[in-house]
Amino acid sequence: MEFLNSILVKPFSDMFAAPDFLIQVLWEGLVAGVLYALIALGFVLIYKSSRIFNFAQGIMVVFAALTLVGLHEKGVPALLAVPMTLGVMFLLAVAIERVVLRPLVNQPDIILFMATIGITLFLVGFGELIFGGENKVMITEQLHIPTGSFEFEPFGGFVSIEQKDVTAVIGAVLLVGGLILFLNRSKMGRAIRALGDDHQAALSVGISLSTIWVLVWFIAGVIALATGIVWGARAGVSFALEVIAFKALPVLMLGGLESVLGAIVGGIAIGVLEKLFEIYWGQPLLGGNTETWFAFVFALIVLLFRPQGLFGERIIERV
């Protein structure tokens, strides 16, 4: 009985006993969840248009951030370095389509997946050759990203919110909103959706596979740059940042590989729940460090009851 009380009753009583601290925890979970959702969106876009699970999305985040910082270190003004980095990501998208994907059209999915692992290894080696392997500091001040904090006292307590986190959430909302508008309202966006729904039908009406692939890989590069700037501002820029992309895997398991909405909801859910579990259950009962595995266990439990994820479509095959 005492054990059940420690895992069911006490954490919830602690949670609501200090509502100001709960607000702080929820905010930090929301920020982390938004960033998980951004990374997952890169996976979703590429999978929807090409049925390729892009293992390289994590290193694209690192490569974009390192390119931005590296250009600034070479004397390029920060606000000019951003469009130049986008240009680099576009050239990378073109190179991937021409050199890697085009020769592998109609190959089995596992071959395309292995190709993205090859892209990952290439970008790691190429990035270390150009930028070195040491940790770099994101140029937040030069990009005019505020670094102060908002402080207020709800419920008689104290809550501190970093301005850069607020900027990150607002930027992510604008980016996702623009992406949804692009996919639903623009001609190229509808072409991406058509290609995701039925490859053969889309190709039969004249949709260019190569053009769409370049576009979605470039959009994934834009998302990678936005994510790299925010994560770099929080933890510095290094190749260790690639590990963050693994958190997108349970987000995709939870939300479904083909759902933009699923990536958003799944990312926020994972971010908030893992933070709550870490603070109120992990540290008191398990000694902490539960954030490294909670998302995967939670996604696995969801998959036991809904294998296609919360927003994935159930696939029924007639035999």
Protein backbone atom coordinates (compact mmCIF):
# COMPACT_ATOMS: atom_id res chain seq x y z
CA MET A 1 0.00 0.00 0.00
CA GLU A 2 2.85 2.35 0.85
CA PHE A 3 4.48 1.57 -2.50
CA LEU A 4 1.28 2.40 -4.42
CA ASN A 5 0.99 5.63 -2.47
CA SER A 6 4.56 6.59 -3.42
CA ILE A 7 3.99 6.10 -7.14
CA LEU A 8 0.34 7.14 -7.51
CA VAL A 9 -0.73 9.55 -4.80
CA LYS A 10 2.37 11.39 -3.59
CA PRO A 11 3.69 12.55 -7.03
CA PHE A 12 0.31 14.06 -7.89
CA SER A 13 0.01 15.74 -4.50
CA ASP A 14 3.53 17.15 -4.90
CA MET A 15 2.66 18.34 -8.39
CA PHE A 16 -0.32 20.42 -7.33
CA ALA A 17 1.15 21.49 -3.99
CA ALA A 18 3.54 23.83 -5.83
CA PRO A 19 1.64 25.12 -8.91
CA ASP A 20 4.32 27.73 -9.70
CA PHE A 21 6.95 24.98 -10.03
CA LEU A 22 4.51 22.93 -12.11
CA ILE A 23 4.18 25.86 -14.54
CA GLN A 24 7.98 26.01 -14.84
CA VAL A 25 8.17 22.27 -15.57
CA LEU A 26 5.35 22.42 -18.12
CA TRP A 27 6.99 25.33 -19.93
CA GLU A 28 10.35 23.58 -20.18
CA GLY A 29 8.60 20.45 -21.43
CA LEU A 30 6.70 22.50 -24.02
CA VAL A 31 9.91 24.07 -25.37
CA ALA A 32 11.62 20.69 -25.64
CA GLY A 33 8.51 19.21 -27.25
CA VAL A 34 8.32 21.93 -29.89
CA LEU A 35 11.91 21.22 -30.87
CA TYR A 36 11.27 17.47 -31.00
CA ALA A 37 8.30 18.21 -33.25
CA LEU A 38 10.46 20.29 -35.61
CA ILE A 39 12.94 17.47 -36.03
CA ALA A 40 10.13 14.97 -36.57
CA LEU A 41 8.63 17.20 -39.27
CA GLY A 42 11.79 16.77 -41.34
CA PHE A 43 11.35 13.00 -41.20
CA VAL A 44 7.64 13.21 -42.02
CA LEU A 45 8.03 15.46 -45.09
CA ILE A 46 10.67 13.28 -46.70
CA TYR A 47 8.82 10.06 -45.90
CA LYS A 48 5.52 11.40 -47.28
CA SER A 49 7.06 12.34 -50.62
CA SER A 50 9.50 9.49 -51.18
CA ARG A 51 8.80 6.71 -48.65
CA ILE A 52 12.39 7.21 -47.44
CA PHE A 53 13.08 7.16 -43.71
CA ASN A 54 15.73 9.87 -43.56
CA PHE A 55 18.28 8.73 -40.99
CA ALA A 56 20.37 11.81 -41.93
CA GLN A 57 17.95 14.38 -40.48
CA GLY A 58 19.90 14.58 -37.22
CA ILE A 59 23.24 15.32 -38.87
CA MET A 60 21.50 17.85 -41.13
CA VAL A 61 20.60 19.80 -37.98
CA VAL A 62 24.25 19.78 -36.90
CA PHE A 63 25.57 20.55 -40.38
CA ALA A 64 23.23 23.52 -40.84
CA ALA A 65 24.14 24.99 -37.44
CA LEU A 66 27.87 24.47 -38.01
CA THR A 67 27.63 26.09 -41.44
CA LEU A 68 25.95 29.15 -39.94
CA VAL A 69 28.53 29.51 -37.17
CA GLY A 70 31.40 28.70 -39.53
CA LEU A 71 30.37 31.38 -42.04
CA HIS A 72 30.20 33.95 -39.24
CA GLU A 73 33.67 32.92 -38.03
CA LYS A 74 34.95 33.59 -41.57
CA GLY A 75 33.74 37.19 -41.29
CA VAL A 76 30.28 36.89 -42.87
CA PRO A 77 27.72 39.07 -41.01
CA ALA A 78 25.23 36.94 -39.07
CA LEU A 79 22.13 38.15 -40.91
CA LEU A 80 23.84 37.41 -44.25
CA ALA A 81 25.10 34.04 -43.01
CA VAL A 82 21.51 32.80 -42.58
CA PRO A 83 20.49 33.06 -46.28
CA MET A 84 23.94 31.76 -47.27
CA THR A 85 23.38 28.72 -45.03
CA LEU A 86 19.99 28.19 -46.65
CA GLY A 87 21.78 28.29 -50.00
CA VAL A 88 24.18 25.60 -48.77
CA MET A 89 21.24 23.44 -47.64
CA PHE A 90 19.63 23.87 -51.07
CA LEU A 91 22.84 22.78 -52.80
CA LEU A 92 22.98 19.81 -50.42
CA ALA A 93 19.40 18.88 -51.36
CA VAL A 94 20.26 19.05 -55.08
CA ALA A 95 23.40 16.95 -54.56
CA ILE A 96 21.51 14.30 -52.58
CA GLU A 97 18.82 14.05 -55.26
CA ARG A 98 21.29 13.89 -58.15
CA VAL A 99 24.03 11.73 -56.67
CA VAL A 100 22.19 9.46 -54.22
CA LEU A 101 18.44 9.26 -54.82
CA ARG A 102 18.08 9.47 -58.60
CA PRO A 103 20.23 6.36 -59.26
CA LEU A 104 18.23 4.45 -56.62
CA VAL A 105 14.72 5.09 -57.99
CA ASN A 106 12.52 1.97 -57.67
CA GLN A 107 15.02 0.27 -55.37
CA PRO A 108 13.73 -1.46 -52.20
CA ASP A 109 13.06 0.75 -49.19
CA ILE A 110 15.93 -0.77 -47.23
CA ILE A 111 18.38 0.34 -49.95
CA LEU A 112 17.15 3.94 -49.71
CA PHE A 113 17.33 3.79 -45.91
CA MET A 114 20.94 2.56 -46.08
CA ALA A 115 21.67 5.42 -48.49
CA THR A 116 20.58 7.94 -45.85
CA ILE A 117 22.96 6.28 -43.38
CA GLY A 118 25.68 6.80 -45.98
CA ILE A 119 24.67 10.47 -46.25
CA THR A 120 24.95 10.72 -42.46
CA LEU A 121 28.47 9.30 -42.37
CA PHE A 122 29.55 11.52 -45.25
CA LEU A 123 28.23 14.69 -43.59
CA VAL A 124 29.93 13.75 -40.30
CA GLY A 125 33.31 13.33 -42.01
CA PHE A 126 32.86 16.31 -44.31
CA GLY A 127 31.67 18.51 -41.43
CA GLU A 128 34.60 17.57 -39.20
CA LEU A 129 37.02 18.23 -42.07
CA ILE A 130 35.63 21.73 -42.65
CA PHE A 131 34.53 22.86 -39.18
CA GLY A 132 36.55 20.68 -36.81
CA GLY A 133 35.16 18.59 -34.00
CA GLU A 134 35.18 21.10 -31.14
CA ASN A 135 32.09 22.60 -29.58
CA LYS A 136 31.06 26.01 -30.97
CA VAL A 137 28.89 28.78 -29.53
CA MET A 138 25.72 29.73 -31.40
CA ILE A 139 25.72 33.39 -32.48
CA THR A 140 22.54 34.33 -30.64
CA GLU A 141 23.43 37.98 -30.02
CA GLN A 142 24.48 38.55 -33.63
CA LEU A 143 21.16 37.06 -34.77
CA HIS A 144 19.37 39.40 -32.34
CA ILE A 145 17.94 36.50 -30.35
CA PRO A 146 17.16 37.83 -26.85
CA THR A 147 19.04 36.10 -24.04
CA GLY A 148 17.32 37.57 -20.97
CA SER A 149 14.43 36.11 -19.04
CA PHE A 150 10.89 36.90 -17.98
CA GLU A 151 10.25 36.48 -14.28
CA PHE A 152 6.86 36.47 -12.60
CA GLU A 153 5.30 35.17 -9.40
CA PRO A 154 2.10 33.16 -9.91
CA PHE A 155 0.42 31.52 -6.91
CA GLY A 156 2.92 33.23 -4.62
CA GLY A 157 5.89 31.38 -6.18
CA PHE A 158 8.56 32.18 -8.77
CA VAL A 159 8.71 31.28 -12.48
CA SER A 160 11.54 32.22 -14.86
CA ILE A 161 11.13 31.90 -18.63
CA GLU A 162 14.07 32.42 -20.96
CA GLN A 163 13.39 34.91 -23.75
CA LYS A 164 15.24 32.70 -26.24
CA ASP A 165 12.80 29.88 -25.43
CA VAL A 166 9.85 32.18 -26.09
CA THR A 167 11.48 33.20 -29.38
CA ALA A 168 11.99 29.52 -30.23
CA VAL A 169 8.33 28.63 -29.61
CA ILE A 170 7.06 31.63 -31.58
CA GLY A 171 9.46 30.89 -34.44
CA ALA A 172 8.43 27.22 -34.47
CA VAL A 173 4.73 28.13 -34.56
CA LEU A 174 5.32 30.50 -37.50
CA LEU A 175 7.44 27.91 -39.32
CA VAL A 176 4.88 25.14 -38.85
CA GLY A 177 2.02 27.47 -39.81
CA GLY A 178 3.83 28.52 -42.98
CA LEU A 179 4.59 24.88 -43.79
CA ILE A 180 0.94 23.86 -43.39
CA LEU A 181 -0.18 26.76 -45.59
CA PHE A 182 2.42 25.79 -48.18
CA LEU A 183 1.33 22.14 -48.23
CA ASN A 184 -2.38 22.96 -48.43
CA ARG A 185 -2.52 26.08 -50.58
CA SER A 186 0.44 26.12 -52.99
CA LYS A 187 0.74 24.13 -56.20
CA MET A 188 4.03 22.54 -55.13
CA GLY A 189 2.59 21.73 -51.72
CA ARG A 190 -0.34 19.90 -53.30
CA ALA A 191 2.13 18.07 -55.53
CA ILE A 192 4.03 16.88 -52.45
CA ARG A 193 0.80 15.65 -50.88
CA ALA A 194 -0.25 13.93 -54.12
CA LEU A 195 3.10 12.18 -54.36
CA GLY A 196 2.72 10.99 -50.80
CA ASP A 197 -0.80 9.67 -51.44
CA ASP A 198 -0.07 7.80 -54.66
CA HIS A 199 3.32 7.84 -56.38
CA GLN A 200 2.17 6.31 -59.66
CA ALA A 201 -0.90 8.53 -60.03
CA ALA A 202 1.16 11.66 -59.26
CA LEU A 203 3.81 10.74 -61.82
CA SER A 204 1.15 9.96 -64.42
CA VAL A 205 -0.18 13.56 -64.27
CA GLY A 206 3.25 15.07 -64.83
CA ILE A 207 4.53 15.74 -61.31
CA SER A 208 8.34 15.73 -61.40
CA LEU A 209 9.78 13.30 -58.88
CA SER A 210 13.23 14.90 -58.91
CA THR A 211 11.84 18.42 -58.37
CA ILE A 212 9.71 17.30 -55.43
CA TRP A 213 12.60 15.42 -53.86
CA VAL A 214 14.87 18.46 -54.05
CA LEU A 215 12.11 20.63 -52.59
CA VAL A 216 11.31 18.39 -49.63
CA TRP A 217 14.98 17.85 -48.80
CA PHE A 218 15.49 21.62 -48.92
CA ILE A 219 12.48 22.18 -46.64
CA ALA A 220 13.95 19.56 -44.30
CA GLY A 221 17.17 21.60 -44.44
CA VAL A 222 15.30 24.78 -43.50
CA ILE A 223 13.72 22.96 -40.54
CA ALA A 224 17.16 21.59 -39.63
CA LEU A 225 18.64 25.10 -39.60
CA ALA A 226 15.84 26.46 -37.39
CA THR A 227 16.25 23.54 -35.00
CA GLY A 228 20.04 23.85 -35.01
CA ILE A 229 19.88 27.56 -34.11
CA VAL A 230 17.56 26.93 -31.17
CA TRP A 231 19.31 23.84 -29.82
CA GLY A 232 22.68 25.49 -30.43
CA ALA A 233 21.60 28.49 -28.36
CA ARG A 234 20.67 26.12 -25.52
CA ALA A 235 23.56 23.64 -25.57
CA GLY A 236 26.21 24.81 -28.04
CA VAL A 237 26.89 23.43 -31.51
CA SER A 238 28.78 20.16 -31.89
CA PHE A 239 28.32 16.75 -33.43
CA ALA A 240 26.89 15.56 -30.11
CA LEU A 241 23.78 17.54 -31.10
CA GLU A 242 22.96 14.74 -33.54
CA VAL A 243 21.83 12.56 -30.63
CA ILE A 244 18.84 14.89 -30.14
CA ALA A 245 17.43 13.63 -33.43
CA PHE A 246 16.92 10.20 -31.88
CA LYS A 247 14.17 11.77 -29.76
CA ALA A 248 12.25 12.23 -33.01
CA LEU A 249 11.92 8.44 -33.30
CA PRO A 250 9.42 7.99 -30.44
CA VAL A 251 7.64 11.13 -31.70
CA LEU A 252 7.22 9.45 -35.08
CA MET A 253 6.15 6.20 -33.44
CA LEU A 254 3.57 8.11 -31.45
CA GLY A 255 2.27 10.45 -34.16
CA GLY A 256 2.68 8.31 -37.27
CA LEU A 257 5.25 8.57 -40.05
CA GLU A 258 2.97 10.37 -42.50
CA SER A 259 1.17 12.89 -40.31
CA VAL A 260 2.31 16.51 -39.93
CA LEU A 261 -0.25 16.97 -37.16
CA GLY A 262 0.99 13.77 -35.53
CA ALA A 263 4.58 15.09 -35.50
CA ILE A 264 3.43 18.30 -33.79
CA VAL A 265 1.16 16.68 -31.21
CA GLY A 266 3.55 13.78 -30.62
CA GLY A 267 6.53 16.09 -30.12
CA ILE A 268 4.76 18.30 -27.61
CA ALA A 269 3.31 15.29 -25.77
CA ILE A 270 6.71 13.61 -25.49
CA GLY A 271 8.41 16.83 -24.34
CA VAL A 272 5.86 17.61 -21.63
CA LEU A 273 5.35 14.05 -20.36
CA GLU A 274 9.05 13.19 -20.15
CA LYS A 275 9.71 16.39 -18.16
CA LEU A 276 6.82 15.70 -15.76
CA PHE A 277 7.92 12.09 -15.30
CA GLU A 278 11.54 13.10 -14.70
CA ILE A 279 10.70 15.68 -12.02
CA TYR A 280 7.86 13.98 -10.14
CA TRP A 281 8.62 10.27 -10.60
CA GLY A 282 12.13 9.85 -12.01
CA GLN A 283 14.18 11.85 -9.53
CA PRO A 284 12.38 10.80 -6.30
CA LEU A 285 11.85 7.13 -7.18
CA LEU A 286 14.40 6.15 -9.84
CA GLY A 287 17.34 8.45 -9.17
CA GLY A 288 16.74 10.66 -12.21
CA ASN A 289 18.01 10.48 -15.82
CA THR A 290 14.69 9.06 -17.00
CA GLU A 291 14.52 11.56 -19.89
CA THR A 292 16.94 9.34 -21.85
CA TRP A 293 14.48 6.43 -22.05
CA PHE A 294 10.99 7.60 -21.05
CA ALA A 295 9.96 8.68 -24.58
CA PHE A 296 10.85 5.29 -26.06
CA VAL A 297 9.02 3.32 -23.38
CA PHE A 298 5.96 5.55 -23.63
CA ALA A 299 5.87 5.22 -27.44
CA LEU A 300 6.25 1.45 -27.16
CA ILE A 301 3.26 1.26 -24.81
CA VAL A 302 1.17 3.31 -27.26
CA LEU A 303 2.20 1.05 -30.15
CA LEU A 304 1.04 -2.03 -28.26
CA PHE A 305 -2.52 -0.69 -28.50
CA ARG A 306 -2.27 1.32 -31.72
CA PRO A 307 0.54 0.02 -33.98
CA GLN A 308 0.08 2.77 -36.61
CA GLY A 309 0.49 5.54 -34.04
CA LEU A 310 -2.13 8.02 -32.86
CA PHE A 311 -2.49 9.75 -36.23
CA GLY A 312 -1.30 7.06 -38.62
CA GLU A 313 -3.69 5.31 -40.96
CA ARG A 314 -4.53 1.69 -40.39
CA ILE A 315 -3.30 -0.34 -43.36
CA ILE A 316 -5.57 -3.18 -44.46
CA GLU A 317 -4.22 -5.54 -47.11
CA ARG A 318 -6.42 -8.07 -48.91
CA VAL A 319 -4.84 -11.44 -49.46
